[in-house]
N, C-alpha and C. Protein backbone atom coordinates (compact mmCIF):
# COMPACT_ATOMS: atom_id res chain seq x y z
N MET A 1 -132.32 -92.67 -38.67
CA MET A 1 -132.92 -92.79 -37.36
C MET A 1 -131.89 -93.35 -36.37
N LYS A 2 -131.10 -94.33 -36.82
CA LYS A 2 -130.09 -94.92 -35.95
C LYS A 2 -129.04 -93.88 -35.55
N ASP A 3 -128.60 -93.06 -36.52
CA ASP A 3 -127.60 -92.03 -36.21
C ASP A 3 -128.12 -91.03 -35.19
N ILE A 4 -129.36 -90.63 -35.32
CA ILE A 4 -129.92 -89.65 -34.39
C ILE A 4 -130.11 -90.26 -33.01
N HIS A 5 -130.54 -91.51 -32.97
CA HIS A 5 -130.81 -92.17 -31.69
C HIS A 5 -129.52 -92.56 -30.97
N GLU A 6 -128.53 -93.07 -31.71
CA GLU A 6 -127.32 -93.60 -31.08
C GLU A 6 -126.06 -92.82 -31.42
N GLY A 7 -126.14 -91.88 -32.33
CA GLY A 7 -124.94 -91.20 -32.83
C GLY A 7 -124.31 -90.24 -31.84
N ASP A 8 -123.54 -89.29 -32.38
CA ASP A 8 -122.80 -88.33 -31.55
C ASP A 8 -123.71 -87.55 -30.62
N ARG A 9 -124.84 -87.09 -31.13
CA ARG A 9 -125.75 -86.31 -30.31
C ARG A 9 -126.86 -87.16 -29.71
N GLY A 10 -126.89 -88.42 -30.03
CA GLY A 10 -127.94 -89.30 -29.53
C GLY A 10 -127.69 -89.72 -28.09
N ASN A 11 -128.74 -89.79 -27.33
CA ASN A 11 -128.60 -90.25 -25.95
C ASN A 11 -129.67 -91.28 -25.61
N HIS A 12 -130.04 -92.06 -26.63
CA HIS A 12 -131.01 -93.14 -26.46
C HIS A 12 -132.31 -92.62 -25.85
N THR A 13 -132.86 -91.58 -26.47
CA THR A 13 -134.09 -90.98 -25.97
C THR A 13 -135.29 -91.84 -26.34
N GLY A 14 -136.43 -91.46 -25.78
CA GLY A 14 -137.68 -92.15 -26.07
C GLY A 14 -138.22 -91.78 -27.43
N GLY A 15 -139.35 -92.37 -27.79
CA GLY A 15 -139.92 -92.21 -29.12
C GLY A 15 -140.28 -90.79 -29.48
N ARG A 16 -140.93 -90.04 -28.56
CA ARG A 16 -141.33 -88.67 -28.88
C ARG A 16 -140.13 -87.76 -29.08
N ALA A 17 -139.10 -87.91 -28.22
CA ALA A 17 -137.90 -87.08 -28.36
C ALA A 17 -137.16 -87.44 -29.65
N LEU A 18 -137.13 -88.72 -29.98
CA LEU A 18 -136.48 -89.16 -31.22
C LEU A 18 -137.21 -88.57 -32.42
N LEU A 19 -138.53 -88.61 -32.40
CA LEU A 19 -139.34 -88.03 -33.48
C LEU A 19 -139.04 -86.53 -33.62
N SER A 20 -138.97 -85.83 -32.52
CA SER A 20 -138.68 -84.39 -32.55
C SER A 20 -137.31 -84.11 -33.16
N LYS A 21 -136.31 -84.90 -32.78
CA LYS A 21 -134.96 -84.71 -33.32
C LYS A 21 -134.92 -84.99 -34.82
N ILE A 22 -135.65 -86.02 -35.25
CA ILE A 22 -135.69 -86.34 -36.69
C ILE A 22 -136.33 -85.20 -37.47
N LEU A 23 -137.44 -84.66 -36.94
CA LEU A 23 -138.11 -83.54 -37.61
C LEU A 23 -137.21 -82.30 -37.68
N LYS A 24 -136.43 -82.06 -36.61
CA LYS A 24 -135.53 -80.89 -36.59
C LYS A 24 -134.41 -81.01 -37.63
N THR A 25 -134.03 -82.22 -37.97
CA THR A 25 -132.99 -82.40 -38.98
C THR A 25 -133.54 -82.28 -40.40
N GLY A 26 -134.88 -82.20 -40.54
CA GLY A 26 -135.47 -81.98 -41.85
C GLY A 26 -136.04 -83.21 -42.51
N TYR A 27 -136.07 -84.32 -41.85
CA TYR A 27 -136.62 -85.55 -42.44
C TYR A 27 -138.10 -85.66 -42.12
N PHE A 28 -138.82 -86.32 -43.05
CA PHE A 28 -140.23 -86.63 -42.82
C PHE A 28 -140.63 -87.81 -43.69
N TRP A 29 -141.43 -88.71 -43.14
CA TRP A 29 -142.10 -89.76 -43.89
C TRP A 29 -143.39 -90.08 -43.14
N PRO A 30 -144.36 -90.62 -43.81
CA PRO A 30 -145.70 -90.77 -43.22
C PRO A 30 -145.74 -91.61 -41.94
N THR A 31 -144.92 -92.61 -41.81
CA THR A 31 -145.01 -93.49 -40.64
C THR A 31 -143.90 -93.21 -39.62
N MET A 32 -143.34 -92.02 -39.65
CA MET A 32 -142.17 -91.77 -38.80
C MET A 32 -142.49 -91.79 -37.31
N ARG A 33 -143.70 -91.37 -36.91
CA ARG A 33 -144.06 -91.41 -35.49
C ARG A 33 -144.07 -92.85 -34.98
N LYS A 34 -144.73 -93.72 -35.72
CA LYS A 34 -144.79 -95.14 -35.34
C LYS A 34 -143.40 -95.76 -35.37
N ASP A 35 -142.61 -95.42 -36.39
CA ASP A 35 -141.26 -95.98 -36.52
C ASP A 35 -140.35 -95.53 -35.37
N ALA A 36 -140.46 -94.26 -34.97
CA ALA A 36 -139.63 -93.75 -33.87
C ALA A 36 -139.99 -94.44 -32.56
N MET A 37 -141.28 -94.60 -32.32
CA MET A 37 -141.71 -95.30 -31.09
C MET A 37 -141.21 -96.74 -31.09
N PHE A 38 -141.39 -97.42 -32.21
CA PHE A 38 -140.97 -98.81 -32.32
C PHE A 38 -139.47 -98.95 -32.15
N TYR A 39 -138.69 -98.04 -32.77
CA TYR A 39 -137.23 -98.12 -32.70
C TYR A 39 -136.73 -97.90 -31.27
N SER A 40 -137.30 -96.91 -30.58
CA SER A 40 -136.83 -96.64 -29.21
C SER A 40 -137.24 -97.76 -28.25
N GLN A 41 -138.38 -98.41 -28.50
CA GLN A 41 -138.80 -99.51 -27.63
C GLN A 41 -137.93 -100.74 -27.81
N ARG A 42 -137.35 -100.91 -29.00
CA ARG A 42 -136.46 -102.06 -29.25
C ARG A 42 -135.05 -101.83 -28.73
N CYS A 43 -134.70 -100.60 -28.40
CA CYS A 43 -133.33 -100.25 -28.00
C CYS A 43 -133.07 -100.70 -26.56
N ASP A 44 -132.10 -101.60 -26.40
CA ASP A 44 -131.75 -102.11 -25.08
C ASP A 44 -131.17 -101.01 -24.19
N ASP A 45 -130.30 -100.18 -24.75
CA ASP A 45 -129.69 -99.09 -23.96
C ASP A 45 -130.74 -98.11 -23.47
N PHE A 46 -131.76 -97.85 -24.29
CA PHE A 46 -132.83 -96.94 -23.87
C PHE A 46 -133.49 -97.47 -22.60
N HIS A 47 -133.77 -98.77 -22.56
CA HIS A 47 -134.43 -99.34 -21.39
C HIS A 47 -133.53 -99.34 -20.17
N ARG A 48 -132.23 -99.55 -20.37
CA ARG A 48 -131.32 -99.54 -19.23
C ARG A 48 -131.05 -98.14 -18.71
N LEU A 49 -131.06 -97.13 -19.58
CA LEU A 49 -130.73 -95.77 -19.19
C LEU A 49 -131.95 -94.91 -18.88
N SER A 50 -133.14 -95.38 -19.20
CA SER A 50 -134.32 -94.55 -19.01
C SER A 50 -134.71 -94.49 -17.54
N ASN A 51 -135.59 -93.54 -17.24
CA ASN A 51 -136.08 -93.40 -15.88
C ASN A 51 -136.88 -94.63 -15.48
N ILE A 52 -136.79 -94.98 -14.22
CA ILE A 52 -137.54 -96.11 -13.70
C ILE A 52 -138.99 -95.68 -13.51
N LEU A 53 -139.90 -96.49 -13.99
CA LEU A 53 -141.31 -96.19 -13.78
C LEU A 53 -141.64 -96.50 -12.33
N HIS A 54 -142.29 -95.57 -11.68
CA HIS A 54 -142.60 -95.74 -10.27
C HIS A 54 -144.04 -96.21 -10.11
N GLN A 55 -144.22 -97.17 -9.24
CA GLN A 55 -145.55 -97.63 -8.88
C GLN A 55 -146.15 -96.60 -7.92
N PRO A 56 -147.46 -96.52 -7.85
CA PRO A 56 -148.07 -95.62 -6.88
C PRO A 56 -147.62 -96.00 -5.47
N ALA A 57 -147.39 -95.02 -4.65
CA ALA A 57 -146.92 -95.28 -3.30
C ALA A 57 -148.00 -95.96 -2.48
N GLU A 58 -147.58 -96.88 -1.66
CA GLU A 58 -148.49 -97.53 -0.72
C GLU A 58 -148.69 -96.60 0.47
N PRO A 59 -149.86 -96.63 1.07
CA PRO A 59 -150.05 -95.79 2.27
C PRO A 59 -149.15 -96.30 3.40
N LEU A 60 -148.63 -95.37 4.17
CA LEU A 60 -147.78 -95.72 5.30
C LEU A 60 -148.66 -95.96 6.52
N TYR A 61 -148.32 -96.99 7.26
CA TYR A 61 -149.03 -97.29 8.49
C TYR A 61 -148.07 -97.09 9.65
N PRO A 62 -148.28 -96.07 10.45
CA PRO A 62 -147.34 -95.81 11.54
C PRO A 62 -147.36 -96.93 12.57
N ILE A 63 -146.19 -97.18 13.14
CA ILE A 63 -146.08 -98.14 14.24
C ILE A 63 -146.18 -97.32 15.51
N VAL A 64 -147.23 -97.57 16.27
CA VAL A 64 -147.52 -96.77 17.45
C VAL A 64 -147.13 -97.56 18.69
N SER A 65 -146.44 -96.90 19.59
CA SER A 65 -146.10 -97.48 20.88
C SER A 65 -146.60 -96.52 21.95
N SER A 66 -147.41 -97.02 22.87
CA SER A 66 -148.02 -96.17 23.88
C SER A 66 -147.11 -95.89 25.06
N TRP A 67 -146.15 -96.79 25.30
CA TRP A 67 -145.27 -96.66 26.46
C TRP A 67 -143.83 -96.88 26.04
N PRO A 68 -142.90 -96.25 26.75
CA PRO A 68 -141.48 -96.48 26.43
C PRO A 68 -141.09 -97.94 26.65
N PHE A 69 -140.26 -98.45 25.78
CA PHE A 69 -139.64 -99.77 25.88
C PHE A 69 -140.62 -100.93 25.77
N MET A 70 -141.78 -100.70 25.18
CA MET A 70 -142.75 -101.78 24.99
C MET A 70 -142.72 -102.33 23.57
N LYS A 71 -142.23 -101.56 22.62
CA LYS A 71 -142.19 -102.01 21.23
C LYS A 71 -140.84 -101.61 20.63
N TRP A 72 -140.13 -102.60 20.10
CA TRP A 72 -138.78 -102.40 19.57
C TRP A 72 -138.70 -102.86 18.13
N GLY A 73 -137.79 -102.28 17.39
CA GLY A 73 -137.42 -102.76 16.06
C GLY A 73 -136.02 -103.33 16.14
N MET A 74 -135.79 -104.48 15.50
CA MET A 74 -134.48 -105.14 15.56
C MET A 74 -133.92 -105.24 14.15
N TYR A 75 -132.65 -104.86 13.98
CA TYR A 75 -132.03 -104.80 12.67
C TYR A 75 -130.61 -105.36 12.73
N ILE A 76 -130.19 -105.98 11.64
CA ILE A 76 -128.80 -106.37 11.48
C ILE A 76 -128.20 -105.43 10.44
N VAL A 77 -127.11 -104.78 10.80
CA VAL A 77 -126.42 -103.86 9.89
C VAL A 77 -125.08 -104.49 9.54
N GLY A 78 -124.75 -104.53 8.28
CA GLY A 78 -123.44 -105.09 7.90
C GLY A 78 -123.46 -105.54 6.47
N LYS A 79 -122.37 -105.83 5.99
CA LYS A 79 -121.03 -105.92 6.53
C LYS A 79 -120.42 -104.54 6.64
N LEU A 80 -119.86 -104.27 7.82
CA LEU A 80 -119.18 -103.02 8.09
C LEU A 80 -117.68 -103.23 7.93
N PRO A 81 -116.90 -102.16 7.87
CA PRO A 81 -115.44 -102.34 7.82
C PRO A 81 -114.97 -103.12 9.05
N LYS A 82 -114.06 -104.05 8.82
CA LYS A 82 -113.59 -104.94 9.88
C LYS A 82 -112.86 -104.15 10.96
N GLU A 83 -113.22 -104.40 12.21
CA GLU A 83 -112.52 -103.78 13.32
C GLU A 83 -111.47 -104.77 13.85
N PRO A 84 -110.58 -104.35 14.75
CA PRO A 84 -109.45 -105.22 15.15
C PRO A 84 -109.84 -106.62 15.63
N ARG A 85 -111.00 -106.77 16.27
CA ARG A 85 -111.40 -108.11 16.74
C ARG A 85 -112.21 -108.88 15.70
N GLY A 86 -112.30 -108.35 14.48
CA GLY A 86 -112.96 -109.05 13.39
C GLY A 86 -114.47 -108.88 13.33
N LYS A 87 -115.02 -107.98 14.10
CA LYS A 87 -116.47 -107.79 14.12
C LYS A 87 -116.88 -106.94 12.92
N VAL A 88 -117.83 -107.45 12.15
CA VAL A 88 -118.25 -106.76 10.93
C VAL A 88 -119.77 -106.55 10.85
N PHE A 89 -120.53 -107.07 11.82
CA PHE A 89 -121.98 -106.90 11.83
C PHE A 89 -122.39 -106.17 13.09
N MET A 90 -123.49 -105.43 13.00
CA MET A 90 -124.04 -104.76 14.16
C MET A 90 -125.49 -105.19 14.31
N LEU A 91 -125.85 -105.61 15.51
CA LEU A 91 -127.24 -105.91 15.84
C LEU A 91 -127.74 -104.71 16.62
N ALA A 92 -128.79 -104.09 16.15
CA ALA A 92 -129.31 -102.87 16.78
C ALA A 92 -130.80 -103.03 17.06
N MET A 93 -131.22 -102.51 18.19
CA MET A 93 -132.64 -102.47 18.54
C MET A 93 -133.00 -101.03 18.87
N THR A 94 -134.13 -100.58 18.34
CA THR A 94 -134.59 -99.21 18.55
C THR A 94 -135.97 -99.23 19.18
N ASP A 95 -136.13 -98.50 20.28
CA ASP A 95 -137.44 -98.36 20.91
C ASP A 95 -138.26 -97.38 20.09
N TYR A 96 -139.46 -97.79 19.68
CA TYR A 96 -140.30 -96.94 18.83
C TYR A 96 -140.82 -95.70 19.55
N PHE A 97 -140.99 -95.75 20.86
CA PHE A 97 -141.54 -94.61 21.59
C PHE A 97 -140.48 -93.54 21.84
N SER A 98 -139.35 -93.94 22.44
CA SER A 98 -138.34 -92.97 22.85
C SER A 98 -137.19 -92.82 21.86
N LYS A 99 -137.10 -93.72 20.88
CA LYS A 99 -136.00 -93.78 19.91
C LYS A 99 -134.67 -94.18 20.57
N TRP A 100 -134.74 -94.79 21.75
CA TRP A 100 -133.55 -95.30 22.45
C TRP A 100 -132.97 -96.45 21.63
N ILE A 101 -131.65 -96.50 21.53
CA ILE A 101 -131.00 -97.54 20.73
C ILE A 101 -130.08 -98.36 21.61
N GLU A 102 -130.15 -99.66 21.44
CA GLU A 102 -129.19 -100.60 22.01
C GLU A 102 -128.53 -101.28 20.83
N ALA A 103 -127.20 -101.28 20.79
CA ALA A 103 -126.49 -101.87 19.65
C ALA A 103 -125.21 -102.53 20.13
N GLU A 104 -124.78 -103.53 19.36
CA GLU A 104 -123.55 -104.26 19.68
C GLU A 104 -122.98 -104.85 18.40
N ALA A 105 -121.66 -104.93 18.33
CA ALA A 105 -120.98 -105.48 17.15
C ALA A 105 -120.73 -106.97 17.34
N PHE A 106 -120.78 -107.71 16.22
CA PHE A 106 -120.58 -109.16 16.24
C PHE A 106 -119.75 -109.59 15.04
N VAL A 107 -119.07 -110.73 15.19
CA VAL A 107 -118.36 -111.34 14.07
C VAL A 107 -119.39 -111.92 13.10
N GLN A 108 -120.39 -112.60 13.65
CA GLN A 108 -121.52 -113.10 12.87
C GLN A 108 -122.75 -113.06 13.76
N VAL A 109 -123.90 -112.94 13.15
CA VAL A 109 -125.14 -112.84 13.91
C VAL A 109 -125.96 -114.09 13.65
N ARG A 110 -126.03 -114.95 14.67
CA ARG A 110 -126.84 -116.17 14.61
C ARG A 110 -127.89 -116.08 15.70
N GLU A 111 -128.71 -117.12 15.81
CA GLU A 111 -129.76 -117.13 16.83
C GLU A 111 -129.17 -116.97 18.23
N LYS A 112 -128.06 -117.64 18.48
CA LYS A 112 -127.42 -117.58 19.80
C LYS A 112 -127.07 -116.14 20.17
N GLU A 113 -126.51 -115.40 19.23
CA GLU A 113 -126.13 -114.01 19.48
C GLU A 113 -127.37 -113.13 19.68
N VAL A 114 -128.43 -113.38 18.91
CA VAL A 114 -129.65 -112.59 19.04
C VAL A 114 -130.25 -112.79 20.43
N ILE A 115 -130.35 -114.05 20.88
CA ILE A 115 -130.94 -114.34 22.19
C ILE A 115 -130.11 -113.72 23.31
N SER A 116 -128.79 -113.89 23.26
CA SER A 116 -127.96 -113.32 24.33
C SER A 116 -128.01 -111.79 24.31
N PHE A 117 -128.08 -111.19 23.13
CA PHE A 117 -128.20 -109.73 23.02
C PHE A 117 -129.49 -109.24 23.66
N ILE A 118 -130.60 -109.92 23.38
CA ILE A 118 -131.89 -109.52 23.95
C ILE A 118 -131.87 -109.68 25.47
N LYS A 119 -131.34 -110.80 25.95
CA LYS A 119 -131.26 -111.02 27.40
C LYS A 119 -130.41 -109.93 28.06
N ARG A 120 -129.24 -109.68 27.50
CA ARG A 120 -128.27 -108.77 28.10
C ARG A 120 -128.70 -107.30 28.00
N ASN A 121 -129.28 -106.90 26.87
CA ASN A 121 -129.55 -105.48 26.63
C ASN A 121 -131.00 -105.05 26.80
N ILE A 122 -131.93 -105.97 26.78
CA ILE A 122 -133.34 -105.59 26.89
C ILE A 122 -133.95 -106.14 28.18
N LEU A 123 -133.93 -107.45 28.34
CA LEU A 123 -134.61 -108.06 29.49
C LEU A 123 -133.96 -107.69 30.82
N THR A 124 -132.64 -107.72 30.91
CA THR A 124 -131.99 -107.43 32.19
C THR A 124 -131.99 -105.94 32.53
N ILE A 125 -132.02 -105.08 31.53
CA ILE A 125 -132.01 -103.64 31.80
C ILE A 125 -133.42 -103.11 32.02
N PHE A 126 -134.34 -103.44 31.13
CA PHE A 126 -135.69 -102.88 31.19
C PHE A 126 -136.68 -103.79 31.90
N ARG A 127 -136.30 -105.04 32.13
CA ARG A 127 -137.09 -106.03 32.88
C ARG A 127 -138.52 -106.18 32.36
N ILE A 128 -138.67 -106.12 31.05
CA ILE A 128 -140.00 -106.31 30.47
C ILE A 128 -139.89 -107.21 29.25
N ARG A 129 -140.95 -107.90 28.96
CA ARG A 129 -141.07 -108.63 27.70
C ARG A 129 -141.69 -107.66 26.72
N ALA A 130 -140.96 -107.34 25.71
CA ALA A 130 -141.41 -106.33 24.75
C ALA A 130 -141.83 -106.99 23.45
N GLU A 131 -142.58 -106.24 22.66
CA GLU A 131 -142.91 -106.66 21.31
C GLU A 131 -141.76 -106.21 20.41
N ILE A 132 -141.23 -107.15 19.61
CA ILE A 132 -140.10 -106.83 18.75
C ILE A 132 -140.49 -107.05 17.30
N THR A 133 -140.26 -106.03 16.49
CA THR A 133 -140.52 -106.11 15.05
C THR A 133 -139.19 -106.34 14.35
N CYS A 134 -139.16 -107.32 13.44
CA CYS A 134 -137.93 -107.62 12.71
C CYS A 134 -138.28 -107.97 11.27
N ASP A 135 -137.25 -108.27 10.47
CA ASP A 135 -137.46 -108.55 9.06
C ASP A 135 -137.63 -110.04 8.77
N ASN A 136 -137.87 -110.85 9.77
CA ASN A 136 -138.07 -112.30 9.63
C ASN A 136 -136.86 -113.02 9.08
N GLY A 137 -135.67 -112.51 9.38
CA GLY A 137 -134.45 -113.22 9.02
C GLY A 137 -134.35 -114.50 9.82
N SER A 138 -133.56 -115.45 9.34
CA SER A 138 -133.47 -116.75 10.00
C SER A 138 -132.97 -116.62 11.44
N GLN A 139 -132.18 -115.58 11.73
CA GLN A 139 -131.70 -115.39 13.10
C GLN A 139 -132.83 -114.99 14.04
N PHE A 140 -133.87 -114.39 13.51
CA PHE A 140 -134.95 -113.87 14.33
C PHE A 140 -136.12 -114.84 14.49
N ILE A 141 -136.30 -115.75 13.54
CA ILE A 141 -137.49 -116.62 13.59
C ILE A 141 -137.14 -118.10 13.63
N GLY A 142 -135.88 -118.42 13.92
CA GLY A 142 -135.47 -119.82 14.00
C GLY A 142 -136.06 -120.50 15.22
N ASN A 143 -135.85 -121.82 15.33
CA ASN A 143 -136.42 -122.61 16.43
C ASN A 143 -135.96 -122.11 17.79
N ARG A 144 -134.64 -121.86 17.94
CA ARG A 144 -134.13 -121.43 19.25
C ARG A 144 -134.73 -120.09 19.66
N THR A 145 -134.82 -119.15 18.73
CA THR A 145 -135.37 -117.84 19.05
C THR A 145 -136.86 -117.94 19.36
N THR A 146 -137.58 -118.72 18.58
CA THR A 146 -139.02 -118.91 18.83
C THR A 146 -139.25 -119.55 20.19
N ASN A 147 -138.48 -120.58 20.52
CA ASN A 147 -138.61 -121.23 21.83
C ASN A 147 -138.27 -120.26 22.96
N PHE A 148 -137.28 -119.41 22.75
CA PHE A 148 -136.91 -118.41 23.75
C PHE A 148 -138.08 -117.48 24.03
N TRP A 149 -138.77 -117.02 22.98
CA TRP A 149 -139.89 -116.10 23.19
C TRP A 149 -141.09 -116.79 23.81
N GLU A 150 -141.29 -118.06 23.51
CA GLU A 150 -142.44 -118.78 24.04
C GLU A 150 -142.24 -119.21 25.49
N ALA A 151 -140.99 -119.28 25.94
CA ALA A 151 -140.71 -119.74 27.31
C ALA A 151 -141.08 -118.70 28.34
């Protein structure tokens, strides 16, 4: 069983495939189905190389924006390849209605950079207080950023 499962032609298959290969080589014993299942379940390589079991998909809930520039998504992208001024992160905001993107490169993205980016690229250009969706990173939900939105 070990030779068939791990040997030259073995590829750490599951229990049913292992059983089939054993039967094709001409072997048989009364408990071989149970033994093949048990052997493949104990194999560490089988678990690492086997297909990932997928959970049922969750329903998607669309993010709806009725007007342009009223609802934005904010993302930090990085680390990117270093550019001459040392900037390796990108802060990007996408309008959900029009798909308009505002983006800028940074050396590091902290609360200070997030606030100045929003002031410079959203508030001064579009002159509206928008709803912004983010991943709740510390740069987005820290005290300074929260106070900025509440002011």
